[in-house]
Amino acid sequence: MKINFKETLLKDLKKYKDGIFAKHHAKYFQTHKGGYGEGDSFWGLKIPQQRITARKYWKDINLKDVEKLLQHKVHEVRLTALMILIEKYKKADDDAKSVIVKIYLKNSECINNWDLVDLSAPYIPGHYWHNNSLKDFWKYAESGNLWKERIAMVSTV
């Protein structure tokens, strides 16, 4: 029987849902109309819960499913997907790193809050750009998009 790691991971994350924290996170990340996190939704997960889940699945989940998680409407699911991408990137050969960076950049519109950027930018595009071409770095740095510019800036850390 084939295991659907994406669905199993989502089920594991849902176990940690907390309505009180979800409301707090929504306020903190300014999800209200006109806020920098407008439209984002939260389950109220805590970072340690997400790290435990990411560690549990990072080896077995495929990149296609991680990309789907990165596109999820729930903020903490995207954060967990980034944790998984970081682990996969750290262990990847050069070809796989290139694929992971392409997934990251292709989905950068989903990396749309400071915690998502700050967690991932130094370890994925930052590492890659430092060791390869800076062409995409400059596109991001000069994009006029808050989160893409932050990705470029934080990638230099």
C-alpha atoms as a PDB file:
ATOM      1  CA  MET A   1       0.000   0.000   0.000  1.00  0.00           C
ATOM      2  CA  LYS A   2       1.412   3.349  -1.060  1.00  0.00           C
ATOM      3  CA  ILE A   3       1.477   6.044   1.619  1.00  0.00           C
ATOM      4  CA  ASN A   4       0.259   9.513   0.695  1.00  0.00           C
ATOM      5  CA  PHE A   5       2.794  11.495   2.696  1.00  0.00           C
ATOM      6  CA  LYS A   6       1.233  14.863   1.891  1.00  0.00           C
ATOM      7  CA  GLU A   7      -2.172  13.874   3.265  1.00  0.00           C
ATOM      8  CA  THR A   8      -0.637  12.100   6.253  1.00  0.00           C
ATOM      9  CA  LEU A   9       1.484  15.157   7.027  1.00  0.00           C
ATOM     10  CA  LEU A  10      -1.561  17.430   6.798  1.00  0.00           C
ATOM     11  CA  LYS A  11      -3.471  15.123   9.126  1.00  0.00           C
ATOM     12  CA  ASP A  12      -0.586  15.247  11.604  1.00  0.00           C
ATOM     13  CA  LEU A  13      -0.471  19.046  11.478  1.00  0.00           C
ATOM     14  CA  LYS A  14      -4.242  19.324  11.939  1.00  0.00           C
ATOM     15  CA  LYS A  15      -3.932  17.466  15.249  1.00  0.00           C
ATOM     16  CA  TYR A  16      -2.146  20.526  16.623  1.00  0.00           C
ATOM     17  CA  LYS A  17      -4.801  23.081  15.597  1.00  0.00           C
ATOM     18  CA  ASP A  18      -5.476  25.679  18.259  1.00  0.00           C
ATOM     19  CA  GLY A  19      -8.179  28.286  17.692  1.00  0.00           C
ATOM     20  CA  ILE A  20      -6.843  30.686  20.316  1.00  0.00           C
ATOM     21  CA  PHE A  21      -3.372  30.701  18.790  1.00  0.00           C
ATOM     22  CA  ALA A  22      -4.884  30.937  15.297  1.00  0.00           C
ATOM     23  CA  LYS A  23      -6.612  34.191  16.271  1.00  0.00           C
ATOM     24  CA  HIS A  24      -3.409  35.479  17.854  1.00  0.00           C
ATOM     25  CA  HIS A  25      -1.340  34.589  14.782  1.00  0.00           C
ATOM     26  CA  ALA A  26      -3.872  36.232  12.462  1.00  0.00           C
ATOM     27  CA  LYS A  27      -3.627  39.456  14.432  1.00  0.00           C
ATOM     28  CA  TYR A  28       0.156  39.297  14.824  1.00  0.00           C
ATOM     29  CA  PHE A  29       0.727  38.632  11.120  1.00  0.00           C
ATOM     30  CA  GLN A  30      -1.733  41.366  10.149  1.00  0.00           C
ATOM     31  CA  THR A  31      -4.119  39.288   8.072  1.00  0.00           C
ATOM     32  CA  HIS A  32      -6.774  42.020   8.147  1.00  0.00           C
ATOM     33  CA  LYS A  33      -7.727  43.990   5.053  1.00  0.00           C
ATOM     34  CA  GLY A  34      -4.801  46.220   4.175  1.00  0.00           C
ATOM     35  CA  GLY A  35      -2.378  44.338   6.444  1.00  0.00           C
ATOM     36  CA  TYR A  36       0.843  42.938   5.050  1.00  0.00           C
ATOM     37  CA  GLY A  37      -0.497  39.417   5.643  1.00  0.00           C
ATOM     38  CA  GLU A  38      -3.942  40.135   4.247  1.00  0.00           C
ATOM     39  CA  GLY A  39      -5.886  36.989   3.493  1.00  0.00           C
ATOM     40  CA  ASP A  40      -3.484  34.575   5.179  1.00  0.00           C
ATOM     41  CA  SER A  41      -5.082  31.912   7.353  1.00  0.00           C
ATOM     42  CA  PHE A  42      -3.736  30.095  10.384  1.00  0.00           C
ATOM     43  CA  TRP A  43      -4.353  26.887  12.284  1.00  0.00           C
ATOM     44  CA  GLY A  44      -2.598  28.168  15.393  1.00  0.00           C
ATOM     45  CA  LEU A  45       0.320  25.755  15.300  1.00  0.00           C
ATOM     46  CA  LYS A  46       3.497  26.262  17.268  1.00  0.00           C
ATOM     47  CA  ILE A  47       6.933  26.084  15.664  1.00  0.00           C
ATOM     48  CA  PRO A  48       8.113  23.012  17.634  1.00  0.00           C
ATOM     49  CA  GLN A  49       5.062  21.083  16.401  1.00  0.00           C
ATOM     50  CA  GLN A  50       5.887  22.031  12.844  1.00  0.00           C
ATOM     51  CA  ARG A  51       9.545  21.075  13.250  1.00  0.00           C
ATOM     52  CA  ILE A  52       8.599  17.670  14.646  1.00  0.00           C
ATOM     53  CA  THR A  53       6.306  17.099  11.680  1.00  0.00           C
ATOM     54  CA  ALA A  54       8.880  18.307   9.150  1.00  0.00           C
ATOM     55  CA  ARG A  55      11.539  16.019  10.643  1.00  0.00           C
ATOM     56  CA  LYS A  56       9.144  13.100  10.469  1.00  0.00           C
ATOM     57  CA  TYR A  57       8.414  13.509   6.746  1.00  0.00           C
ATOM     58  CA  TRP A  58      11.287  15.291   5.017  1.00  0.00           C
ATOM     59  CA  LYS A  59      13.056  12.147   3.821  1.00  0.00           C
ATOM     60  CA  ASP A  60      10.012  10.405   2.407  1.00  0.00           C
ATOM     61  CA  ILE A  61       7.832  13.121   0.925  1.00  0.00           C
ATOM     62  CA  ASN A  62       8.531  13.914  -2.717  1.00  0.00           C
ATOM     63  CA  LEU A  63       9.214  17.388  -4.059  1.00  0.00           C
ATOM     64  CA  LYS A  64       5.953  17.488  -5.998  1.00  0.00           C
ATOM     65  CA  ASP A  65       4.000  17.088  -2.766  1.00  0.00           C
ATOM     66  CA  VAL A  66       6.220  19.558  -0.923  1.00  0.00           C
ATOM     67  CA  GLU A  67       5.473  22.063  -3.669  1.00  0.00           C
ATOM     68  CA  LYS A  68       1.738  21.474  -3.174  1.00  0.00           C
ATOM     69  CA  LEU A  69       2.186  22.069   0.553  1.00  0.00           C
ATOM     70  CA  LEU A  70       4.078  25.258  -0.245  1.00  0.00           C
ATOM     71  CA  GLN A  71       1.011  26.422  -2.172  1.00  0.00           C
ATOM     72  CA  HIS A  72      -1.387  25.618   0.680  1.00  0.00           C
ATOM     73  CA  LYS A  73      -3.684  28.382   1.932  1.00  0.00           C
ATOM     74  CA  VAL A  74      -2.666  27.823   5.565  1.00  0.00           C
ATOM     75  CA  HIS A  75       0.426  29.700   6.668  1.00  0.00           C
ATOM     76  CA  GLU A  76       1.798  27.001   8.978  1.00  0.00           C
ATOM     77  CA  VAL A  77       1.534  24.373   6.245  1.00  0.00           C
ATOM     78  CA  ARG A  78       3.682  26.568   4.001  1.00  0.00           C
ATOM     79  CA  LEU A  79       6.153  27.085   6.841  1.00  0.00           C
ATOM     80  CA  THR A  80       6.382  23.326   7.383  1.00  0.00           C
ATOM     81  CA  ALA A  81       6.902  22.837   3.643  1.00  0.00           C
ATOM     82  CA  LEU A  82       9.803  25.289   3.792  1.00  0.00           C
ATOM     83  CA  MET A  83      11.316  23.407   6.726  1.00  0.00           C
ATOM     84  CA  ILE A  84      11.173  20.259   4.616  1.00  0.00           C
ATOM     85  CA  LEU A  85      12.680  22.013   1.587  1.00  0.00           C
ATOM     86  CA  ILE A  86      15.558  23.268   3.720  1.00  0.00           C
ATOM     87  CA  GLU A  87      16.339  19.752   4.928  1.00  0.00           C
ATOM     88  CA  LYS A  88      16.089  18.343   1.424  1.00  0.00           C
ATOM     89  CA  TYR A  89      18.327  21.126   0.114  1.00  0.00           C
ATOM     90  CA  LYS A  90      20.982  20.510   2.783  1.00  0.00           C
ATOM     91  CA  LYS A  91      21.224  16.838   1.827  1.00  0.00           C
ATOM     92  CA  ALA A  92      20.903  17.298  -1.941  1.00  0.00           C
ATOM     93  CA  ASP A  93      23.529  17.057  -4.652  1.00  0.00           C
ATOM     94  CA  ASP A  94      24.016  20.026  -6.985  1.00  0.00           C
ATOM     95  CA  ASP A  95      21.378  18.911  -9.488  1.00  0.00           C
ATOM     96  CA  ALA A  96      18.760  18.375  -6.800  1.00  0.00           C
ATOM     97  CA  LYS A  97      19.656  21.725  -5.211  1.00  0.00           C
ATOM     98  CA  SER A  98      18.967  23.399  -8.528  1.00  0.00           C
ATOM     99  CA  VAL A  99      15.538  21.737  -8.692  1.00  0.00           C
ATOM    100  CA  ILE A 100      14.715  22.802  -5.133  1.00  0.00           C
ATOM    101  CA  VAL A 101      15.711  26.398  -5.859  1.00  0.00           C
ATOM    102  CA  LYS A 102      13.513  26.391  -8.966  1.00  0.00           C
ATOM    103  CA  ILE A 103      10.571  25.169  -6.888  1.00  0.00           C
ATOM    104  CA  TYR A 104      11.279  27.842  -4.282  1.00  0.00           C
ATOM    105  CA  LEU A 105      11.501  30.680  -6.787  1.00  0.00           C
ATOM    106  CA  LYS A 106       8.541  29.458  -8.835  1.00  0.00           C
ATOM    107  CA  ASN A 107       6.445  29.547  -5.667  1.00  0.00           C
ATOM    108  CA  SER A 108       7.886  32.695  -4.133  1.00  0.00           C
ATOM    109  CA  GLU A 109       4.436  34.307  -4.149  1.00  0.00           C
ATOM    110  CA  CYS A 110       3.557  31.724  -1.472  1.00  0.00           C
ATOM    111  CA  ILE A 111       6.540  32.808   0.628  1.00  0.00           C
ATOM    112  CA  ASN A 112       4.732  35.948   1.568  1.00  0.00           C
ATOM    113  CA  ASN A 113       5.450  36.836   5.151  1.00  0.00           C
ATOM    114  CA  TRP A 114       8.555  37.697   7.102  1.00  0.00           C
ATOM    115  CA  ASP A 115       8.770  34.420   9.019  1.00  0.00           C
ATOM    116  CA  LEU A 116       8.526  32.345   5.843  1.00  0.00           C
ATOM    117  CA  VAL A 117      11.226  34.418   4.169  1.00  0.00           C
ATOM    118  CA  ASP A 118      13.518  34.654   7.173  1.00  0.00           C
ATOM    119  CA  LEU A 119      13.344  30.917   7.830  1.00  0.00           C
ATOM    120  CA  SER A 120      14.187  29.887   4.288  1.00  0.00           C
ATOM    121  CA  ALA A 121      15.951  32.570   2.251  1.00  0.00           C
ATOM    122  CA  PRO A 122      19.451  32.162   3.707  1.00  0.00           C
ATOM    123  CA  TYR A 123      19.376  28.383   3.322  1.00  0.00           C
ATOM    124  CA  ILE A 124      17.868  27.868  -0.112  1.00  0.00           C
ATOM    125  CA  PRO A 125      18.194  30.780  -2.546  1.00  0.00           C
ATOM    126  CA  GLY A 126      20.893  32.451  -0.459  1.00  0.00           C
ATOM    127  CA  HIS A 127      23.165  29.438  -0.459  1.00  0.00           C
ATOM    128  CA  TYR A 128      22.446  28.730  -4.100  1.00  0.00           C
ATOM    129  CA  TRP A 129      22.992  32.299  -5.288  1.00  0.00           C
ATOM    130  CA  HIS A 130      26.202  32.543  -3.294  1.00  0.00           C
ATOM    131  CA  ASN A 131      27.583  29.489  -5.077  1.00  0.00           C
ATOM    132  CA  ASN A 132      26.052  30.091  -8.516  1.00  0.00           C
ATOM    133  CA  SER A 133      24.660  32.923 -10.602  1.00  0.00           C
ATOM    134  CA  LEU A 134      23.343  36.101  -8.991  1.00  0.00           C
ATOM    135  CA  LYS A 135      21.014  36.775 -11.931  1.00  0.00           C
ATOM    136  CA  ASP A 136      17.867  35.831  -9.995  1.00  0.00           C
ATOM    137  CA  PHE A 137      19.145  37.607  -6.899  1.00  0.00           C
ATOM    138  CA  TRP A 138      19.162  40.924  -8.733  1.00  0.00           C
ATOM    139  CA  LYS A 139      15.722  40.247 -10.235  1.00  0.00           C
ATOM    140  CA  TYR A 140      14.387  39.734  -6.733  1.00  0.00           C
ATOM    141  CA  ALA A 141      16.301  42.636  -5.193  1.00  0.00           C
ATOM    142  CA  GLU A 142      14.936  45.048  -7.781  1.00  0.00           C
ATOM    143  CA  SER A 143      11.466  43.522  -8.152  1.00  0.00           C
ATOM    144  CA  GLY A 144       9.443  46.152  -6.318  1.00  0.00           C
ATOM    145  CA  ASN A 145       7.711  43.309  -4.446  1.00  0.00           C
ATOM    146  CA  LEU A 146       8.116  43.465  -0.671  1.00  0.00           C
ATOM    147  CA  TRP A 147       8.554  39.731  -0.161  1.00  0.00           C
ATOM    148  CA  LYS A 148      10.802  39.117  -3.165  1.00  0.00           C
ATOM    149  CA  GLU A 149      13.015  41.995  -2.090  1.00  0.00           C
ATOM    150  CA  ARG A 150      13.103  40.562   1.423  1.00  0.00           C
ATOM    151  CA  ILE A 151      14.061  37.154  -0.002  1.00  0.00           C
ATOM    152  CA  ALA A 152      16.997  38.812  -1.761  1.00  0.00           C
ATOM    153  CA  MET A 153      18.014  40.825   1.299  1.00  0.00           C
ATOM    154  CA  VAL A 154      17.740  37.981   3.808  1.00  0.00           C
ATOM    155  CA  SER A 155      19.445  35.563   1.424  1.00  0.00           C
ATOM    156  CA  THR A 156      22.673  37.472   2.022  1.00  0.00           C
ATOM    157  CA  VAL A 157      22.691  36.658   5.750  1.00  0.00           C
END
